[in-house]
Amino acid sequence: MKKVIISLIILLSLPFNFCIADDEPAKIYHSGDWKFSMPFGKSYNYADILVQRAVDGDTLKLETGERVRLIGIDTPEMHESDKLYRDSQRTGEDVRTIQELGKRAYEFTKKLVEGKRVSLEFDVERYDKYKRLLAYVYLKDGTFVNAEIVKQGYASLMTIPPNAKYSNLLLKLYQEARANKRGLWK
């Protein structure tokens, strides 16, 4: 025990600098003759990042392991969840019908973005209560993914202030998709 305490005293009396990666932002604390640097969060290049897979019609998983919830849109649920049953009660549709619509929305989103490099645009809030990134997503050819899903009729609108930058555009596209019976509105 005495050796452990002596080792700890020697270690704490030496100047040191811990940093996991040089490219990560760090906070540096100074006190007397020691220096301690600790990174806070990993920084990624969200201007060019790979979509590993579509989780469902409105959620993506990035190469970093992070999940992205597409701002402004909502697709039907395809998995068992409380939201699935709430949506069923709210709309009067049976659960299986909603799940089938959810699978169609998922397939559209999957074909649109899976395995492709994208850029993310953030609004006021960066994360939702589930710790997912909230973003507007763009393909490298400039296609606005959130808008394209709505335009082709595979999503309804879900505007949650303060993240409402493109709500007017999405509303217009939603109304056109419904009027022209595209996607899920056939």
N, C-alpha and C. Protein backbone atom coordinates (compact mmCIF):
# COMPACT_ATOMS: atom_id res chain seq x y z
N MET A 1 0.83 -1.19 0.00
CA MET A 1 0.00 0.00 0.00
C MET A 1 0.88 1.25 0.00
N LYS A 2 1.99 1.17 0.76
CA LYS A 2 2.90 2.31 0.86
C LYS A 2 3.51 2.62 -0.51
N LYS A 3 3.82 1.57 -1.31
CA LYS A 3 4.40 1.76 -2.64
C LYS A 3 3.39 2.42 -3.59
N VAL A 4 2.13 2.05 -3.45
CA VAL A 4 1.08 2.63 -4.31
C VAL A 4 0.95 4.13 -4.02
N ILE A 5 0.95 4.51 -2.77
CA ILE A 5 0.82 5.92 -2.38
C ILE A 5 2.03 6.70 -2.87
N ILE A 6 3.22 6.17 -2.70
CA ILE A 6 4.44 6.85 -3.15
C ILE A 6 4.42 7.01 -4.67
N SER A 7 4.01 5.94 -5.39
CA SER A 7 3.92 6.01 -6.85
C SER A 7 2.93 7.07 -7.29
N LEU A 8 1.81 7.15 -6.62
CA LEU A 8 0.78 8.14 -6.93
C LEU A 8 1.29 9.56 -6.69
N ILE A 9 2.01 9.77 -5.59
CA ILE A 9 2.57 11.10 -5.29
C ILE A 9 3.58 11.49 -6.36
N ILE A 10 4.44 10.57 -6.76
CA ILE A 10 5.43 10.86 -7.80
C ILE A 10 4.74 11.18 -9.12
N LEU A 11 3.75 10.39 -9.48
CA LEU A 11 3.01 10.60 -10.73
C LEU A 11 2.34 11.97 -10.74
N LEU A 12 1.71 12.35 -9.66
CA LEU A 12 1.01 13.63 -9.59
C LEU A 12 1.95 14.82 -9.54
N SER A 13 3.18 14.60 -9.13
CA SER A 13 4.12 15.72 -9.04
C SER A 13 4.81 16.00 -10.38
N LEU A 14 4.67 15.09 -11.35
CA LEU A 14 5.29 15.29 -12.66
C LEU A 14 4.34 16.07 -13.58
N PRO A 15 4.92 16.95 -14.42
CA PRO A 15 4.06 17.61 -15.41
C PRO A 15 3.60 16.57 -16.44
N PHE A 16 2.34 16.65 -16.84
CA PHE A 16 1.85 15.71 -17.83
C PHE A 16 0.81 16.38 -18.72
N ASN A 17 0.63 15.77 -19.88
CA ASN A 17 -0.33 16.27 -20.86
C ASN A 17 -0.98 15.07 -21.53
N PHE A 18 -2.25 14.83 -21.22
CA PHE A 18 -2.99 13.75 -21.84
C PHE A 18 -3.86 14.31 -22.93
N CYS A 19 -3.76 13.72 -24.11
CA CYS A 19 -4.65 14.10 -25.20
C CYS A 19 -4.81 12.87 -26.07
N ILE A 20 -6.04 12.42 -26.30
CA ILE A 20 -6.29 11.20 -27.04
C ILE A 20 -5.91 11.35 -28.51
N ALA A 21 -6.27 12.46 -29.13
CA ALA A 21 -5.95 12.68 -30.54
C ALA A 21 -5.68 14.16 -30.76
N ASP A 22 -4.69 14.44 -31.58
CA ASP A 22 -4.30 15.83 -31.81
C ASP A 22 -5.37 16.64 -32.51
N ASP A 23 -6.24 16.00 -33.29
CA ASP A 23 -7.24 16.76 -34.03
C ASP A 23 -8.53 17.02 -33.23
N GLU A 24 -8.59 16.56 -31.99
CA GLU A 24 -9.78 16.77 -31.18
C GLU A 24 -9.65 18.07 -30.39
N PRO A 25 -10.77 18.80 -30.24
CA PRO A 25 -10.70 20.00 -29.41
C PRO A 25 -10.41 19.60 -27.97
N ALA A 26 -9.67 20.41 -27.27
CA ALA A 26 -9.28 20.05 -25.91
C ALA A 26 -9.43 21.24 -24.97
N LYS A 27 -9.68 20.92 -23.71
CA LYS A 27 -9.68 21.91 -22.64
C LYS A 27 -8.38 21.71 -21.89
N ILE A 28 -7.70 22.78 -21.56
CA ILE A 28 -6.43 22.68 -20.85
C ILE A 28 -6.56 23.35 -19.50
N TYR A 29 -6.18 22.62 -18.46
CA TYR A 29 -6.24 23.14 -17.11
C TYR A 29 -4.82 23.28 -16.60
N HIS A 30 -4.49 24.44 -15.99
CA HIS A 30 -3.17 24.68 -15.43
C HIS A 30 -3.29 24.85 -13.92
N SER A 31 -2.37 24.30 -13.21
CA SER A 31 -2.31 24.51 -11.77
C SER A 31 -0.88 24.26 -11.33
N GLY A 32 -0.25 25.31 -10.92
CA GLY A 32 1.14 25.18 -10.45
C GLY A 32 2.03 24.68 -11.57
N ASP A 33 2.73 23.58 -11.30
CA ASP A 33 3.67 23.08 -12.29
C ASP A 33 3.16 21.84 -13.03
N TRP A 34 1.83 21.66 -13.10
CA TRP A 34 1.30 20.55 -13.90
C TRP A 34 0.31 21.08 -14.91
N LYS A 35 0.18 20.36 -16.00
CA LYS A 35 -0.74 20.71 -17.09
C LYS A 35 -1.53 19.46 -17.45
N PHE A 36 -2.84 19.62 -17.60
CA PHE A 36 -3.71 18.49 -17.92
C PHE A 36 -4.60 18.91 -19.08
N SER A 37 -4.60 18.14 -20.14
CA SER A 37 -5.41 18.41 -21.33
C SER A 37 -6.35 17.25 -21.55
N MET A 38 -7.68 17.53 -21.68
CA MET A 38 -8.65 16.46 -21.88
C MET A 38 -9.56 16.82 -23.05
N PRO A 39 -9.66 15.94 -24.06
CA PRO A 39 -10.52 16.22 -25.20
C PRO A 39 -11.99 16.09 -24.81
N PHE A 40 -12.84 16.93 -25.39
CA PHE A 40 -14.27 16.86 -25.15
C PHE A 40 -14.96 16.62 -26.48
N GLY A 41 -15.37 15.39 -26.73
CA GLY A 41 -16.07 15.05 -27.96
C GLY A 41 -15.13 14.88 -29.14
N LYS A 42 -15.57 14.08 -30.05
CA LYS A 42 -14.81 13.85 -31.29
C LYS A 42 -15.40 14.74 -32.35
N SER A 43 -14.56 15.35 -33.15
CA SER A 43 -15.07 16.18 -34.23
C SER A 43 -15.00 15.39 -35.54
N TYR A 44 -16.08 15.44 -36.31
CA TYR A 44 -16.16 14.75 -37.58
C TYR A 44 -16.40 15.76 -38.67
N ASN A 45 -16.07 15.37 -39.88
CA ASN A 45 -16.33 16.21 -41.04
C ASN A 45 -17.72 15.89 -41.57
N TYR A 46 -18.71 16.63 -41.09
CA TYR A 46 -20.09 16.39 -41.50
C TYR A 46 -20.40 16.93 -42.89
N ALA A 47 -19.41 17.55 -43.53
CA ALA A 47 -19.59 18.02 -44.91
C ALA A 47 -19.34 16.90 -45.90
N ASP A 48 -18.77 15.79 -45.43
CA ASP A 48 -18.48 14.65 -46.30
C ASP A 48 -18.41 13.40 -45.44
N ILE A 49 -19.56 12.75 -45.28
CA ILE A 49 -19.62 11.60 -44.38
C ILE A 49 -20.48 10.51 -45.01
N LEU A 50 -20.14 9.27 -44.75
CA LEU A 50 -20.82 8.13 -45.36
C LEU A 50 -22.05 7.72 -44.56
N VAL A 51 -23.15 7.49 -45.27
CA VAL A 51 -24.34 6.90 -44.66
C VAL A 51 -24.13 5.40 -44.70
N GLN A 52 -23.93 4.82 -43.54
CA GLN A 52 -23.71 3.38 -43.45
C GLN A 52 -24.98 2.62 -43.82
N ARG A 53 -26.12 3.09 -43.26
CA ARG A 53 -27.38 2.44 -43.59
C ARG A 53 -28.55 3.33 -43.19
N ALA A 54 -29.70 3.05 -43.80
CA ALA A 54 -30.95 3.67 -43.38
C ALA A 54 -31.50 2.80 -42.26
N VAL A 55 -31.85 3.42 -41.15
CA VAL A 55 -32.43 2.69 -40.02
C VAL A 55 -33.92 2.49 -40.28
N ASP A 56 -34.55 3.55 -40.76
CA ASP A 56 -35.95 3.53 -41.18
C ASP A 56 -36.12 4.68 -42.16
N GLY A 57 -37.33 5.10 -42.42
CA GLY A 57 -37.56 6.12 -43.43
C GLY A 57 -37.06 7.51 -43.09
N ASP A 58 -36.85 7.79 -41.81
CA ASP A 58 -36.42 9.14 -41.42
C ASP A 58 -35.22 9.16 -40.47
N THR A 59 -34.51 8.05 -40.37
CA THR A 59 -33.33 7.96 -39.51
C THR A 59 -32.22 7.21 -40.24
N LEU A 60 -31.01 7.76 -40.15
CA LEU A 60 -29.85 7.19 -40.82
C LEU A 60 -28.77 6.86 -39.80
N LYS A 61 -27.91 5.92 -40.15
CA LYS A 61 -26.74 5.62 -39.32
C LYS A 61 -25.51 5.97 -40.15
N LEU A 62 -24.62 6.77 -39.56
CA LEU A 62 -23.42 7.22 -40.24
C LEU A 62 -22.26 6.27 -40.00
N GLU A 63 -21.20 6.43 -40.78
CA GLU A 63 -19.99 5.63 -40.62
C GLU A 63 -19.38 5.79 -39.23
N THR A 64 -19.69 6.87 -38.55
CA THR A 64 -19.16 7.14 -37.20
C THR A 64 -19.92 6.36 -36.13
N GLY A 65 -21.05 5.73 -36.53
CA GLY A 65 -21.91 5.05 -35.57
C GLY A 65 -23.03 5.93 -35.06
N GLU A 66 -22.98 7.22 -35.36
CA GLU A 66 -24.03 8.14 -34.93
C GLU A 66 -25.29 7.94 -35.76
N ARG A 67 -26.41 8.23 -35.13
CA ARG A 67 -27.69 8.20 -35.84
C ARG A 67 -28.12 9.64 -36.12
N VAL A 68 -28.73 9.81 -37.29
CA VAL A 68 -29.21 11.12 -37.71
C VAL A 68 -30.71 11.03 -37.91
N ARG A 69 -31.45 11.90 -37.23
CA ARG A 69 -32.90 12.03 -37.43
C ARG A 69 -33.10 13.17 -38.40
N LEU A 70 -33.76 12.90 -39.53
CA LEU A 70 -33.99 13.91 -40.55
C LEU A 70 -35.00 14.93 -40.04
N ILE A 71 -34.61 16.19 -40.03
CA ILE A 71 -35.46 17.27 -39.49
C ILE A 71 -36.63 17.52 -40.43
N GLY A 72 -37.79 17.75 -39.82
CA GLY A 72 -38.96 18.23 -40.56
C GLY A 72 -39.84 17.17 -41.15
N ILE A 73 -39.43 15.91 -41.09
CA ILE A 73 -40.23 14.85 -41.71
C ILE A 73 -40.51 13.72 -40.73
N ASP A 74 -41.55 12.94 -41.05
CA ASP A 74 -41.91 11.79 -40.24
C ASP A 74 -42.44 10.71 -41.16
N THR A 75 -41.86 9.53 -41.09
CA THR A 75 -42.33 8.41 -41.90
C THR A 75 -43.04 7.42 -40.99
N PRO A 76 -43.92 6.60 -41.56
CA PRO A 76 -44.63 5.62 -40.73
C PRO A 76 -43.66 4.65 -40.06
N GLU A 77 -44.08 4.17 -38.89
CA GLU A 77 -43.27 3.22 -38.12
C GLU A 77 -43.33 1.85 -38.78
N MET A 78 -42.21 1.16 -38.81
CA MET A 78 -42.23 -0.21 -39.34
C MET A 78 -41.91 -1.24 -38.27
N HIS A 79 -41.49 -0.80 -37.10
CA HIS A 79 -41.17 -1.70 -35.98
C HIS A 79 -42.18 -1.50 -34.86
N GLU A 80 -42.34 -2.53 -34.06
CA GLU A 80 -43.21 -2.44 -32.88
C GLU A 80 -42.71 -1.32 -31.97
N SER A 81 -43.60 -0.44 -31.59
CA SER A 81 -43.23 0.65 -30.69
C SER A 81 -44.50 1.30 -30.16
N ASP A 82 -44.35 2.07 -29.10
CA ASP A 82 -45.49 2.83 -28.57
C ASP A 82 -46.01 3.80 -29.63
N LYS A 83 -45.10 4.40 -30.40
CA LYS A 83 -45.50 5.36 -31.43
C LYS A 83 -46.35 4.67 -32.50
N LEU A 84 -46.01 3.45 -32.85
CA LEU A 84 -46.79 2.71 -33.83
C LEU A 84 -48.25 2.60 -33.38
N TYR A 85 -48.46 2.24 -32.12
CA TYR A 85 -49.81 2.08 -31.60
C TYR A 85 -50.52 3.42 -31.43
N ARG A 86 -49.78 4.45 -31.05
CA ARG A 86 -50.38 5.80 -30.97
C ARG A 86 -50.82 6.26 -32.36
N ASP A 87 -49.95 6.03 -33.36
CA ASP A 87 -50.29 6.42 -34.73
C ASP A 87 -51.51 5.65 -35.23
N SER A 88 -51.62 4.38 -34.87
CA SER A 88 -52.76 3.57 -35.26
C SER A 88 -54.06 4.12 -34.66
N GLN A 89 -54.01 4.48 -33.39
CA GLN A 89 -55.20 5.05 -32.74
C GLN A 89 -55.55 6.41 -33.33
N ARG A 90 -54.53 7.23 -33.57
CA ARG A 90 -54.74 8.58 -34.09
C ARG A 90 -55.33 8.57 -35.50
N THR A 91 -54.83 7.66 -36.36
CA THR A 91 -55.26 7.66 -37.76
C THR A 91 -56.40 6.71 -38.06
N GLY A 92 -56.62 5.74 -37.18
CA GLY A 92 -57.64 4.73 -37.44
C GLY A 92 -57.15 3.61 -38.34
N GLU A 93 -55.89 3.66 -38.76
CA GLU A 93 -55.30 2.60 -39.59
C GLU A 93 -54.86 1.45 -38.69
N ASP A 94 -54.93 0.22 -39.23
CA ASP A 94 -54.46 -0.90 -38.42
C ASP A 94 -52.93 -0.91 -38.42
N VAL A 95 -52.37 -1.54 -37.42
CA VAL A 95 -50.92 -1.57 -37.19
C VAL A 95 -50.18 -2.14 -38.39
N ARG A 96 -50.67 -3.23 -38.97
CA ARG A 96 -49.99 -3.88 -40.10
C ARG A 96 -49.93 -2.95 -41.32
N THR A 97 -50.97 -2.19 -41.56
CA THR A 97 -50.97 -1.24 -42.68
C THR A 97 -49.92 -0.18 -42.48
N ILE A 98 -49.83 0.36 -41.26
CA ILE A 98 -48.82 1.38 -40.95
C ILE A 98 -47.42 0.80 -41.13
N GLN A 99 -47.21 -0.43 -40.67
CA GLN A 99 -45.90 -1.06 -40.82
C GLN A 99 -45.54 -1.28 -42.29
N GLU A 100 -46.49 -1.64 -43.10
CA GLU A 100 -46.23 -1.81 -44.54
C GLU A 100 -45.85 -0.48 -45.18
N LEU A 101 -46.55 0.59 -44.80
CA LEU A 101 -46.21 1.93 -45.31
C LEU A 101 -44.81 2.33 -44.83
N GLY A 102 -44.50 1.99 -43.58
CA GLY A 102 -43.17 2.27 -43.03
C GLY A 102 -42.08 1.56 -43.80
N LYS A 103 -42.34 0.32 -44.20
CA LYS A 103 -41.35 -0.44 -44.98
C LYS A 103 -41.15 0.19 -46.36
N ARG A 104 -42.22 0.69 -46.96
CA ARG A 104 -42.10 1.35 -48.27
C ARG A 104 -41.27 2.64 -48.14
N ALA A 105 -41.52 3.40 -47.07
CA ALA A 105 -40.74 4.63 -46.84
C ALA A 105 -39.28 4.29 -46.59
N TYR A 106 -39.04 3.25 -45.81
CA TYR A 106 -37.67 2.80 -45.52
C TYR A 106 -36.95 2.41 -46.81
N GLU A 107 -37.61 1.64 -47.65
CA GLU A 107 -37.00 1.20 -48.91
C GLU A 107 -36.64 2.40 -49.79
N PHE A 108 -37.51 3.41 -49.82
CA PHE A 108 -37.21 4.60 -50.61
C PHE A 108 -35.97 5.31 -50.06
N THR A 109 -35.94 5.53 -48.75
CA THR A 109 -34.81 6.21 -48.12
C THR A 109 -33.54 5.41 -48.29
N LYS A 110 -33.63 4.11 -48.11
CA LYS A 110 -32.47 3.22 -48.27
C LYS A 110 -31.87 3.37 -49.67
N LYS A 111 -32.72 3.31 -50.70
CA LYS A 111 -32.25 3.43 -52.08
C LYS A 111 -31.64 4.81 -52.34
N LEU A 112 -32.19 5.83 -51.71
CA LEU A 112 -31.74 7.20 -51.92
C LEU A 112 -30.37 7.47 -51.30
N VAL A 113 -30.11 6.95 -50.08
CA VAL A 113 -28.90 7.39 -49.36
C VAL A 113 -27.92 6.31 -48.90
N GLU A 114 -28.36 5.08 -48.79
CA GLU A 114 -27.49 4.07 -48.19
C GLU A 114 -26.22 3.85 -49.01
N GLY A 115 -25.08 3.90 -48.31
CA GLY A 115 -23.78 3.70 -48.95
C GLY A 115 -23.27 4.92 -49.69
N LYS A 116 -23.94 6.05 -49.52
CA LYS A 116 -23.54 7.27 -50.22
C LYS A 116 -22.94 8.28 -49.25
N ARG A 117 -22.09 9.14 -49.78
CA ARG A 117 -21.51 10.22 -48.98
C ARG A 117 -22.46 11.41 -49.03
N VAL A 118 -22.63 12.04 -47.88
CA VAL A 118 -23.56 13.15 -47.75
C VAL A 118 -22.93 14.28 -46.95
N SER A 119 -23.63 15.40 -46.92
CA SER A 119 -23.25 16.47 -46.01
C SER A 119 -24.46 16.77 -45.14
N LEU A 120 -24.20 17.20 -43.92
CA LEU A 120 -25.26 17.50 -42.96
C LEU A 120 -25.31 19.00 -42.72
N GLU A 121 -26.53 19.51 -42.61
CA GLU A 121 -26.75 20.90 -42.21
C GLU A 121 -27.57 20.86 -40.93
N PHE A 122 -27.11 21.58 -39.93
CA PHE A 122 -27.80 21.59 -38.65
C PHE A 122 -28.68 22.83 -38.53
N ASP A 123 -29.70 22.74 -37.70
CA ASP A 123 -30.57 23.87 -37.42
C ASP A 123 -30.22 24.37 -36.02
N VAL A 124 -31.18 24.83 -35.27
CA VAL A 124 -30.90 25.42 -33.95
C VAL A 124 -30.41 24.37 -32.96
N GLU A 125 -31.12 23.25 -32.87
CA GLU A 125 -30.74 22.19 -31.94
C GLU A 125 -29.98 21.11 -32.69
N ARG A 126 -28.91 20.62 -32.10
CA ARG A 126 -28.07 19.63 -32.77
C ARG A 126 -28.47 18.19 -32.45
N TYR A 127 -29.09 17.96 -31.29
CA TYR A 127 -29.46 16.61 -30.87
C TYR A 127 -30.90 16.57 -30.38
N ASP A 128 -31.53 15.41 -30.54
CA ASP A 128 -32.86 15.22 -29.96
C ASP A 128 -32.73 14.54 -28.60
N LYS A 129 -33.85 14.24 -27.96
CA LYS A 129 -33.80 13.66 -26.62
C LYS A 129 -33.23 12.25 -26.60
N TYR A 130 -33.12 11.62 -27.77
CA TYR A 130 -32.54 10.28 -27.88
C TYR A 130 -31.06 10.33 -28.26
N LYS A 131 -30.47 11.54 -28.25
CA LYS A 131 -29.06 11.77 -28.57
C LYS A 131 -28.74 11.50 -30.05
N ARG A 132 -29.76 11.58 -30.92
CA ARG A 132 -29.52 11.48 -32.35
C ARG A 132 -29.21 12.87 -32.88
N LEU A 133 -28.33 12.94 -33.88
CA LEU A 133 -28.09 14.22 -34.55
C LEU A 133 -29.37 14.61 -35.29
N LEU A 134 -29.70 15.88 -35.27
CA LEU A 134 -30.83 16.41 -36.03
C LEU A 134 -30.24 17.16 -37.21
N ALA A 135 -30.62 16.77 -38.43
CA ALA A 135 -29.96 17.39 -39.58
C ALA A 135 -30.83 17.39 -40.82
N TYR A 136 -30.45 18.32 -41.70
CA TYR A 136 -30.90 18.32 -43.08
C TYR A 136 -29.75 17.65 -43.82
N VAL A 137 -30.06 16.72 -44.69
CA VAL A 137 -29.03 15.91 -45.34
C VAL A 137 -29.04 16.18 -46.85
N TYR A 138 -27.83 16.27 -47.41
CA TYR A 138 -27.67 16.53 -48.84
C TYR A 138 -26.76 15.49 -49.46
N LEU A 139 -27.18 14.95 -50.60
CA LEU A 139 -26.30 14.08 -51.38
C LEU A 139 -25.25 14.94 -52.05
N LYS A 140 -24.19 14.31 -52.53
CA LYS A 140 -23.10 15.05 -53.17
C LYS A 140 -23.55 15.76 -54.45
N ASP A 141 -24.63 15.27 -55.09
CA ASP A 141 -25.14 15.94 -56.30
C ASP A 141 -26.04 17.13 -55.97
N GLY A 142 -26.19 17.42 -54.66
CA GLY A 142 -26.99 18.55 -54.22
C GLY A 142 -28.42 18.21 -53.83
N THR A 143 -28.84 16.97 -54.03
CA THR A 143 -30.20 16.56 -53.67
C THR A 143 -30.42 16.75 -52.17
N PHE A 144 -31.47 17.47 -51.83
CA PHE A 144 -31.87 17.72 -50.44
C PHE A 144 -32.72 16.52 -50.02
N VAL A 145 -32.13 15.60 -49.27
CA VAL A 145 -32.74 14.32 -48.93
C VAL A 145 -34.06 14.48 -48.20
N ASN A 146 -34.12 15.30 -47.17
CA ASN A 146 -35.36 15.49 -46.42
C ASN A 146 -36.48 15.89 -47.36
N ALA A 147 -36.19 16.87 -48.24
CA ALA A 147 -37.19 17.37 -49.19
C ALA A 147 -37.57 16.32 -50.22
N GLU A 148 -36.59 15.55 -50.70
CA GLU A 148 -36.86 14.53 -51.73
C GLU A 148 -37.80 13.45 -51.20
N ILE A 149 -37.63 13.05 -49.95
CA ILE A 149 -38.49 12.04 -49.35
C ILE A 149 -39.93 12.55 -49.29
N VAL A 150 -40.10 13.81 -48.91
CA VAL A 150 -41.44 14.42 -48.86
C VAL A 150 -41.99 14.58 -50.27
N LYS A 151 -41.18 15.10 -51.17
CA LYS A 151 -41.60 15.37 -52.55
C LYS A 151 -42.10 14.10 -53.25
N GLN A 152 -41.45 12.97 -52.98
CA GLN A 152 -41.84 11.71 -53.61
C GLN A 152 -42.97 11.00 -52.87
N GLY A 153 -43.46 11.61 -51.77
CA GLY A 153 -44.64 11.10 -51.07
C GLY A 153 -44.38 10.03 -50.04
N TYR A 154 -43.19 10.00 -49.46
CA TYR A 154 -42.87 8.96 -48.48
C TYR A 154 -42.77 9.46 -47.05
N ALA A 155 -43.18 10.72 -46.82
CA ALA A 155 -43.13 11.26 -45.45
C ALA A 155 -44.20 12.31 -45.25
N SER A 156 -44.63 12.40 -44.01
CA SER A 156 -45.48 13.50 -43.57
C SER A 156 -44.56 14.55 -42.96
N LEU A 157 -45.15 15.63 -42.52
CA LEU A 157 -44.35 16.69 -41.91
C LEU A 157 -44.33 16.55 -40.40
N MET A 158 -43.21 16.93 -39.82
CA MET A 158 -43.10 16.99 -38.36
C MET A 158 -42.17 18.15 -38.04
N THR A 159 -42.76 19.29 -37.78
CA THR A 159 -41.98 20.48 -37.45
C THR A 159 -41.97 20.64 -35.94
N ILE A 160 -40.78 20.64 -35.38
CA ILE A 160 -40.63 20.83 -33.94
C ILE A 160 -39.74 22.05 -33.74
N PRO A 161 -40.37 23.20 -33.42
CA PRO A 161 -39.57 24.42 -33.18
C PRO A 161 -38.55 24.16 -32.08
N PRO A 162 -37.40 24.77 -32.16
CA PRO A 162 -37.00 25.84 -33.08
C PRO A 162 -36.41 25.36 -34.40
N ASN A 163 -36.43 24.05 -34.67
CA ASN A 163 -35.84 23.51 -35.90
C ASN A 163 -36.86 23.55 -37.03
N ALA A 164 -37.00 24.71 -37.64
CA ALA A 164 -38.05 24.90 -38.64
C ALA A 164 -37.56 25.65 -39.88
N LYS A 165 -36.28 25.61 -40.13
CA LYS A 165 -35.68 26.40 -41.21
C LYS A 165 -36.35 26.18 -42.57
N TYR A 166 -36.68 24.94 -42.90
CA TYR A 166 -37.24 24.64 -44.21
C TYR A 166 -38.70 24.20 -44.14
N SER A 167 -39.40 24.56 -43.09
CA SER A 167 -40.78 24.09 -42.91
C SER A 167 -41.71 24.54 -44.04
N ASN A 168 -41.54 25.75 -44.55
CA ASN A 168 -42.41 26.22 -45.64
C ASN A 168 -42.18 25.42 -46.92
N LEU A 169 -40.92 25.15 -47.25
CA LEU A 169 -40.59 24.35 -48.42
C LEU A 169 -41.17 22.94 -48.28
N LEU A 170 -40.96 22.32 -47.13
CA LEU A 170 -41.45 20.96 -46.91
C LEU A 170 -42.97 20.90 -46.97
N LEU A 171 -43.65 21.92 -46.45
CA LEU A 171 -45.12 21.97 -46.51
C LEU A 171 -45.59 22.01 -47.96
N LYS A 172 -44.97 22.84 -48.77
CA LYS A 172 -45.33 22.95 -50.19
C LYS A 172 -45.14 21.60 -50.89
N LEU A 173 -44.00 20.95 -50.66
CA LEU A 173 -43.72 19.65 -51.28
C LEU A 173 -44.69 18.57 -50.82
N TYR A 174 -45.06 18.60 -49.55
CA TYR A 174 -46.01 17.65 -48.99
C TYR A 174 -47.37 17.82 -49.65
N GLN A 175 -47.84 19.04 -49.77
CA GLN A 175 -49.14 19.31 -50.39
C GLN A 175 -49.15 18.84 -51.84
N GLU A 176 -48.06 19.09 -52.57
CA GLU A 176 -47.96 18.65 -53.97
C GLU A 176 -47.97 17.12 -54.07
N ALA A 177 -47.25 16.45 -53.19
CA ALA A 177 -47.20 14.98 -53.22
C ALA A 177 -48.58 14.39 -52.95
N ARG A 178 -49.29 14.95 -51.99
CA ARG A 178 -50.65 14.46 -51.67
C ARG A 178 -51.59 14.71 -52.84
N ALA A 179 -51.54 15.92 -53.39
CA ALA A 179 -52.43 16.28 -54.51
C ALA A 179 -52.17 15.41 -55.74
N ASN A 180 -50.90 15.04 -55.95
CA ASN A 180 -50.53 14.24 -57.12
C ASN A 180 -50.43 12.74 -56.84
N LYS A 181 -50.87 12.35 -55.63
CA LYS A 181 -50.93 10.94 -55.23
C LYS A 181 -49.61 10.19 -55.46
N ARG A 182 -48.53 10.76 -54.94
CA ARG A 182 -47.22 10.14 -55.05
C ARG A 182 -46.91 9.28 -53.83
N GLY A 183 -46.07 8.28 -54.03
CA GLY A 183 -45.55 7.48 -52.92
C GLY A 183 -46.62 6.80 -52.10
N LEU A 184 -46.67 7.11 -50.84
CA LEU A 184 -47.62 6.49 -49.91
C LEU A 184 -49.04 7.01 -50.13
N TRP A 185 -49.20 8.07 -50.89
CA TRP A 185 -50.52 8.69 -51.07
C TRP A 185 -51.27 8.13 -52.27
N LYS A 186 -50.71 7.08 -52.93
CA LYS A 186 -51.36 6.47 -54.10
C LYS A 186 -52.67 5.82 -53.69
